[in-house]
Amino acid sequence: MASSAGNTPQNPESGSVTQVPDVSDGPDRRGRVRARRAAIMAVPATAVAAGLLVLTAEGALGVQFAISGMPFTVTATELAGTGFEQFGGLDHMAPGSPNEGDTGGQVLVVTSAIKNATLTKLCQSVDLGGINLRITAGDGKDKVEASDLTTDSTQLSGNAAFTNIEIGNDASTLTKAGVKGPIGVFSQQADTVYIGDLRQTNYATTAGVFKLPGLKLGFSDKAC
């Protein structure tokens, strides 16, 4: 359900010593990395029919760690939050990760940041290859609560509503959730956010506080 501005790729300083080229860093791989970096600057916000607002202009804040590269699904019947931001960027896997495939260990993500959030009937599952590690919480009268919540996603859907939304901000100027993204990156923010029937494919989640009433964790053949 989160990559930090600190994860934004930095260009290494050029040295004066001639080095033997590394074939793993050939033109094709460098081209893919450049294309992903360029995509951060270009992903627009998109409004979809039937009241679904998919905000894909974003991502590069929440996580401050190397991601595993294994996506996980998060669902909730309702998410309500105050202080909402979104912008785009890259998450990074640990060097040599078996999950990097042809991505160079990078994943282009949509990062959502919410200052304070509640979620109803939260479900999270990760496919471990024929079986799912599944977590549920907030099924009873008490909802899941989170503060300083960030999620780094490749897909997000639901029925969304916002108050005082601003679209087209520079990510480095955001103020609603206390997070600032990379300069020059398209972003948006709002005072409040509500998403019904939330569904996300995430690579990372972080939170300052995460309260999970009625937590259940186990293995299941059923994903969220």
Protein backbone atom coordinates (compact mmCIF):
# COMPACT_ATOMS: atom_id res chain seq x y z
CA MET A 1 0.00 0.00 0.00
CA ALA A 2 5.44 3.40 -0.20
CA SER A 3 9.61 5.28 -2.25
CA SER A 4 11.35 8.14 -0.72
CA ALA A 5 12.81 11.12 -2.39
CA GLY A 6 16.08 9.69 -1.15
CA ASN A 7 15.54 6.82 -3.61
CA THR A 8 15.60 9.13 -6.61
CA PRO A 9 18.53 7.97 -8.82
CA GLN A 10 21.61 10.18 -8.67
CA ASN A 11 24.19 10.47 -11.45
CA PRO A 12 27.58 9.25 -10.25
CA GLU A 13 30.49 11.68 -10.45
CA SER A 14 32.83 11.09 -13.37
CA GLY A 15 36.31 9.89 -12.40
CA SER A 16 39.56 10.54 -14.23
CA VAL A 17 40.64 6.87 -14.24
CA THR A 18 39.70 4.89 -17.36
CA GLN A 19 37.69 1.81 -16.41
CA VAL A 20 37.01 -1.38 -18.34
CA PRO A 21 33.33 -1.34 -19.43
CA ASP A 22 31.02 -3.70 -17.58
CA VAL A 23 29.00 -5.74 -20.08
CA SER A 24 26.12 -5.85 -17.57
CA ASP A 25 25.84 -2.08 -17.97
CA GLY A 26 25.63 -2.14 -21.77
CA PRO A 27 23.65 0.19 -24.07
CA ASP A 28 20.42 -1.84 -23.87
CA ARG A 29 20.33 -1.80 -20.04
CA ARG A 30 21.29 1.87 -19.84
CA GLY A 31 18.56 2.64 -22.37
CA ARG A 32 15.93 0.89 -20.26
CA VAL A 33 17.02 2.78 -17.15
CA ARG A 34 16.92 6.12 -18.99
CA ALA A 35 13.45 5.32 -20.32
CA ARG A 36 12.15 4.59 -16.82
CA ARG A 37 13.65 7.81 -15.49
CA ALA A 38 12.05 9.77 -18.32
CA ALA A 39 8.69 8.16 -17.55
CA ILE A 40 8.67 9.70 -14.06
CA MET A 41 8.51 13.15 -15.60
CA ALA A 42 5.75 12.29 -18.05
CA VAL A 43 3.08 10.16 -16.35
CA PRO A 44 -0.14 12.21 -16.31
CA ALA A 45 -3.09 12.17 -13.91
CA THR A 46 -6.00 10.22 -15.38
CA ALA A 47 -9.71 10.45 -14.64
CA VAL A 48 -11.65 7.29 -15.51
CA ALA A 49 -15.39 6.75 -16.02
CA ALA A 50 -17.89 5.53 -13.40
CA GLY A 51 -16.53 7.80 -10.69
CA LEU A 52 -13.13 6.04 -10.60
CA LEU A 53 -10.24 8.47 -10.38
CA VAL A 54 -6.94 6.72 -10.92
CA LEU A 55 -4.14 9.10 -10.02
CA THR A 56 -1.09 7.90 -11.89
CA ALA A 57 1.22 10.87 -12.02
CA GLU A 58 3.41 9.78 -9.27
CA GLY A 59 5.61 7.60 -6.99
CA ALA A 60 9.12 8.04 -5.36
CA LEU A 61 8.92 8.62 -1.70
CA GLY A 62 7.77 6.13 0.84
CA VAL A 63 10.38 3.44 1.10
CA GLN A 64 13.83 4.02 2.47
CA PHE A 65 14.97 0.43 1.97
CA ALA A 66 15.77 -1.96 -0.86
CA ILE A 67 12.52 -3.61 -1.98
CA SER A 68 12.30 -7.38 -2.45
CA GLY A 69 10.84 -6.96 -5.92
CA MET A 70 7.88 -9.20 -5.03
CA PRO A 71 4.56 -7.36 -5.53
CA PHE A 72 1.73 -7.76 -3.01
CA THR A 73 -1.98 -7.06 -3.17
CA VAL A 74 -3.78 -4.75 -0.75
CA THR A 75 -7.55 -4.34 -0.59
CA ALA A 76 -9.96 -2.47 1.70
CA THR A 77 -13.66 -1.80 1.51
CA GLU A 78 -13.00 1.81 2.50
CA LEU A 79 -10.03 4.11 2.95
CA ALA A 80 -10.51 7.60 4.40
CA GLY A 81 -7.63 9.98 4.94
CA THR A 82 -6.56 13.55 5.60
CA GLY A 83 -3.51 15.11 3.99
CA PHE A 84 -3.08 13.36 0.64
CA GLU A 85 -0.21 13.50 -1.90
CA GLN A 86 0.86 11.52 -4.98
CA PHE A 87 3.85 11.65 -7.31
CA GLY A 88 6.07 9.33 -9.35
CA GLY A 89 9.48 7.72 -9.16
CA LEU A 90 11.54 4.55 -8.87
CA ASP A 91 11.96 1.86 -6.23
CA HIS A 92 15.19 -0.15 -6.09
CA MET A 93 15.92 -3.78 -5.35
CA ALA A 94 19.02 -5.00 -3.57
CA PRO A 95 21.98 -5.47 -5.95
CA GLY A 96 21.88 -8.91 -7.53
CA SER A 97 18.24 -9.56 -6.55
CA PRO A 98 16.84 -12.64 -8.33
CA ASN A 99 13.63 -10.67 -8.92
CA GLU A 100 15.13 -7.91 -11.05
CA GLY A 101 14.44 -9.64 -14.39
CA ASP A 102 15.13 -7.19 -17.22
CA THR A 103 14.32 -4.13 -15.09
CA GLY A 104 17.83 -3.47 -13.83
CA GLY A 105 16.41 -3.80 -10.31
CA GLN A 106 14.17 -0.76 -10.69
CA VAL A 107 10.36 -0.48 -10.57
CA LEU A 108 8.43 2.57 -11.76
CA VAL A 109 5.82 3.23 -9.06
CA VAL A 110 2.96 5.47 -8.02
CA THR A 111 3.53 6.74 -4.48
CA SER A 112 0.58 7.81 -2.36
CA ALA A 113 1.21 9.60 0.94
CA ILE A 114 -1.53 10.13 3.53
CA LYS A 115 -0.95 11.96 6.79
CA ASN A 116 -3.69 10.12 8.70
CA ALA A 117 -5.78 7.23 7.36
CA THR A 118 -8.36 4.67 8.44
CA LEU A 119 -9.08 1.47 6.52
CA THR A 120 -12.00 -0.94 6.81
CA LYS A 121 -11.54 -4.69 6.20
CA LEU A 122 -7.90 -4.51 5.19
CA CYS A 123 -6.46 -7.51 3.38
CA GLN A 124 -2.87 -7.97 2.21
CA SER A 125 -1.48 -11.00 0.38
CA VAL A 126 1.78 -11.93 -1.35
CA ASP A 127 2.06 -14.85 -3.77
CA LEU A 128 4.87 -17.14 -2.64
CA GLY A 129 4.44 -19.52 -5.55
CA GLY A 130 1.35 -21.68 -5.17
CA ILE A 131 0.48 -20.34 -1.71
CA ASN A 132 -0.25 -16.87 -0.34
CA LEU A 133 0.91 -15.22 2.86
CA ARG A 134 -2.29 -13.41 3.85
CA ILE A 135 -2.92 -10.73 6.49
CA THR A 136 -6.33 -9.34 7.46
CA ALA A 137 -7.36 -6.71 10.02
CA GLY A 138 -10.11 -4.22 10.77
CA ASP A 139 -12.99 -6.64 10.18
CA GLY A 140 -14.82 -5.68 13.39
CA LYS A 141 -15.99 -2.40 14.88
CA ASP A 142 -12.44 -1.01 15.08
CA LYS A 143 -10.79 0.14 11.86
CA VAL A 144 -7.15 -0.05 10.87
CA GLU A 145 -5.40 3.24 11.67
CA ALA A 146 -2.21 4.59 10.12
CA SER A 147 -0.24 7.82 10.30
CA ASP A 148 2.39 9.04 7.84
CA LEU A 149 1.29 6.23 5.52
CA THR A 150 2.98 5.78 2.13
CA THR A 151 2.40 3.12 -0.51
CA ASP A 152 4.38 2.46 -3.69
CA SER A 153 2.05 0.95 -6.27
CA THR A 154 2.01 -0.15 -9.87
CA GLN A 155 -1.80 -0.40 -9.96
CA LEU A 156 -4.52 1.36 -7.98
CA SER A 157 -8.30 1.20 -8.43
CA GLY A 158 -11.44 2.14 -6.52
CA ASN A 159 -14.14 4.79 -6.28
CA ALA A 160 -12.45 7.98 -5.16
CA ALA A 161 -13.46 11.42 -3.88
CA PHE A 162 -11.24 14.33 -2.87
CA THR A 163 -11.66 17.74 -1.27
CA ASN A 164 -9.64 20.77 -2.39
CA ILE A 165 -7.57 18.76 -4.84
CA GLU A 166 -4.65 20.41 -6.65
CA ILE A 167 -3.39 18.69 -9.81
CA GLY A 168 -0.15 19.58 -11.57
CA ASN A 169 1.98 20.66 -8.62
CA ASP A 170 5.74 20.32 -8.67
CA ALA A 171 6.41 17.40 -6.32
CA SER A 172 9.05 19.37 -4.42
CA THR A 173 6.39 21.88 -3.28
CA LEU A 174 3.83 19.49 -1.76
CA THR A 175 2.52 20.39 1.71
CA LYS A 176 -0.50 18.23 2.59
CA ALA A 177 1.16 15.04 3.91
CA GLY A 178 4.50 16.43 5.04
CA VAL A 179 6.43 14.80 2.21
CA LYS A 180 8.27 16.47 -0.66
CA GLY A 181 9.14 14.68 -3.88
CA PRO A 182 11.77 15.31 -6.56
CA ILE A 183 11.85 18.72 -8.20
CA GLY A 184 10.30 18.86 -11.65
CA VAL A 185 8.04 15.83 -11.14
CA PHE A 186 4.28 16.08 -11.78
CA SER A 187 2.21 15.57 -8.63
CA GLN A 188 -1.09 16.31 -6.92
CA GLN A 189 -2.44 16.76 -3.42
CA ALA A 190 -5.73 17.19 -1.57
CA ASP A 191 -7.02 18.00 1.90
CA THR A 192 -8.92 14.69 2.15
CA VAL A 193 -9.24 11.45 0.21
CA TYR A 194 -11.88 8.71 0.25
CA ILE A 195 -11.58 5.50 -1.78
CA GLY A 196 -14.23 2.79 -1.73
CA ASP A 197 -13.40 -0.75 -2.89
CA LEU A 198 -9.70 0.03 -2.82
CA ARG A 199 -7.37 -2.36 -4.61
CA GLN A 200 -3.61 -1.88 -5.03
CA THR A 201 -0.65 -3.79 -6.37
CA ASN A 202 2.20 -2.58 -4.16
CA TYR A 203 5.93 -3.00 -3.84
CA ALA A 204 6.33 -1.21 -0.51
CA THR A 205 4.39 0.31 2.38
CA THR A 206 5.63 2.43 5.27
CA ALA A 207 3.86 4.09 8.19
CA GLY A 208 4.84 6.02 11.28
CA VAL A 209 2.11 4.21 13.25
CA PHE A 210 0.09 1.22 11.99
CA LYS A 211 -2.67 -0.14 14.26
CA LEU A 212 -4.18 -3.47 13.11
CA PRO A 213 -7.13 -4.51 15.31
CA GLY A 214 -8.17 -8.13 14.86
CA LEU A 215 -4.93 -9.00 13.05
CA LYS A 216 -4.83 -12.45 11.44
CA LEU A 217 -1.79 -13.80 9.60
CA GLY A 218 -1.46 -17.14 7.90
CA PHE A 219 -0.98 -19.10 4.68
CA SER A 220 -3.87 -19.51 2.29
CA ASP A 221 -4.59 -20.70 -1.22
CA LYS A 222 -6.76 -17.59 -1.57
CA ALA A 223 -5.31 -14.15 -2.40
CA CYS A 224 -6.96 -10.84 -1.46
